[in-house]
Amino acid sequence: MTSRFIPTKPIRNSSVKRPVSVRVFVWLAIFAVAGTLICSGFVISARQHFEAVSIGYKSEELRQQEAQLQEKVNRAELERSRIISPVEMEKRALKLGLVRPLSKKAEIRRPIN
């Protein structure tokens, strides 16, 4: 009974050759070129986006660094103005043992010994 579904004779199918249309190759080439252009556009766009994000982070770091340096400059200017003030100079001179010279009027009035 099983022999009725299994052929005993070998079957040889002949290969079917269809003519290849040039139109198919043209469309395939058009799709390949269009797909390549679209993919290249996405890749270039993604690269520019990531570069812009990177530049944004770098500029933010530079802004923070600029703020820190400006704060240092402000502190240095404040310290400089404090150091060169006449009151501070007078205090440092007194610490070193210097005294203020008398004016010419005071010298004239001073008795000579």
Protein backbone atom coordinates (compact mmCIF):
# COMPACT_ATOMS: atom_id res chain seq x y z
CA MET A 1 0.00 0.00 0.00
CA THR A 2 2.74 2.46 0.68
CA SER A 3 4.18 1.97 -2.78
CA ARG A 4 1.34 3.81 -4.36
CA PHE A 5 2.46 7.20 -2.94
CA ILE A 6 6.19 6.78 -3.40
CA PRO A 7 7.19 6.78 -7.03
CA THR A 8 9.62 4.13 -7.99
CA LYS A 9 10.69 5.82 -11.15
CA PRO A 10 13.24 8.70 -10.74
CA ILE A 11 11.81 12.06 -11.72
CA ARG A 12 14.04 14.45 -13.62
CA ASN A 13 12.74 17.95 -13.88
CA SER A 14 14.28 19.98 -16.57
CA SER A 15 15.54 23.38 -15.56
CA VAL A 16 13.44 26.29 -16.66
CA LYS A 17 15.33 29.19 -18.11
CA ARG A 18 13.55 32.49 -18.13
CA PRO A 19 14.83 35.43 -20.05
CA VAL A 20 16.34 38.07 -17.78
CA SER A 21 14.88 41.46 -18.39
CA VAL A 22 17.19 44.48 -18.50
CA ARG A 23 14.42 46.49 -16.87
CA VAL A 24 14.79 44.43 -13.67
CA PHE A 25 18.49 45.23 -13.46
CA VAL A 26 17.81 48.92 -14.04
CA TRP A 27 15.26 49.03 -11.23
CA LEU A 28 17.57 47.06 -8.96
CA ALA A 29 20.39 49.53 -9.65
CA ILE A 30 18.07 52.52 -9.03
CA PHE A 31 16.91 51.08 -5.70
CA ALA A 32 20.48 50.27 -4.68
CA VAL A 33 21.70 53.81 -5.47
CA ALA A 34 18.70 55.43 -3.74
CA GLY A 35 19.12 53.23 -0.68
CA THR A 36 22.83 54.03 -0.50
CA LEU A 37 22.13 57.76 -0.72
CA ILE A 38 19.48 57.62 1.98
CA CYS A 39 21.68 55.55 4.31
CA SER A 40 24.62 57.89 3.71
CA GLY A 41 22.40 60.85 4.59
CA PHE A 42 21.39 59.22 7.87
CA VAL A 43 25.00 58.40 8.75
CA ILE A 44 26.17 61.95 7.98
CA SER A 45 23.27 63.43 9.96
CA ALA A 46 23.99 61.20 12.96
CA ARG A 47 27.68 62.11 12.86
CA GLN A 48 26.89 65.84 12.81
CA HIS A 49 24.44 65.41 15.67
CA PHE A 50 26.95 63.62 17.88
CA GLU A 51 29.64 66.16 17.00
CA ALA A 52 27.27 69.00 17.98
CA VAL A 53 26.52 67.32 21.30
CA SER A 54 30.24 66.87 21.95
CA ILE A 55 30.96 70.52 21.12
CA GLY A 56 28.12 71.55 23.46
CA TYR A 57 29.66 69.62 26.35
CA LYS A 58 33.10 71.13 25.64
CA SER A 59 31.71 74.67 25.49
CA GLU A 60 29.90 74.14 28.80
CA GLU A 61 33.16 72.96 30.39
CA LEU A 62 34.91 76.05 29.01
CA ARG A 63 32.16 78.32 30.40
CA GLN A 64 32.59 76.78 33.84
CA GLN A 65 36.36 77.16 33.60
CA GLU A 66 35.95 80.79 32.54
CA ALA A 67 33.68 81.45 35.54
CA GLN A 68 36.25 79.90 37.90
CA LEU A 69 39.08 81.93 36.39
CA GLN A 70 37.01 85.12 36.58
CA GLU A 71 36.35 84.40 40.25
CA LYS A 72 40.10 83.99 40.82
CA VAL A 73 40.77 87.29 39.03
CA ASN A 74 38.17 89.05 41.16
CA ARG A 75 39.69 87.65 44.37
CA ALA A 76 43.19 88.64 43.22
CA GLU A 77 42.06 92.20 42.42
CA LEU A 78 40.35 92.47 45.80
CA GLU A 79 43.48 91.22 47.57
CA ARG A 80 45.64 93.64 45.56
CA SER A 81 43.44 96.61 46.41
CA ARG A 82 43.49 95.59 50.08
CA ILE A 83 47.29 95.29 50.09
CA ILE A 84 47.98 98.63 48.41
CA SER A 85 45.53 100.59 50.55
CA PRO A 86 47.21 103.35 52.62
CA VAL A 87 45.88 101.96 55.90
CA GLU A 88 47.36 98.52 55.24
CA MET A 89 50.68 100.05 54.14
CA GLU A 90 50.80 102.07 57.35
CA LYS A 91 50.20 98.91 59.44
CA ARG A 92 52.96 96.99 57.65
CA ALA A 93 55.38 99.90 58.00
CA LEU A 94 54.73 100.09 61.73
CA LYS A 95 55.31 96.33 62.05
CA LEU A 96 58.68 96.78 60.36
CA GLY A 97 59.57 99.56 62.78
CA LEU A 98 59.34 102.44 60.35
CA VAL A 99 57.99 105.77 61.50
CA ARG A 100 56.45 108.53 59.51
CA PRO A 101 58.85 111.40 58.89
CA LEU A 102 58.01 114.76 60.37
CA SER A 103 56.93 117.51 58.05
CA LYS A 104 59.17 120.59 57.44
CA LYS A 105 56.97 122.76 59.64
CA ALA A 106 57.35 120.33 62.51
CA GLU A 107 61.15 120.33 62.04
CA ILE A 108 61.30 124.11 62.23
CA ARG A 109 59.40 124.25 65.50
CA ARG A 110 61.44 121.48 67.07
CA PRO A 111 64.15 122.83 69.33
CA ILE A 112 67.69 121.93 68.44
CA ASN A 113 69.79 120.53 71.29
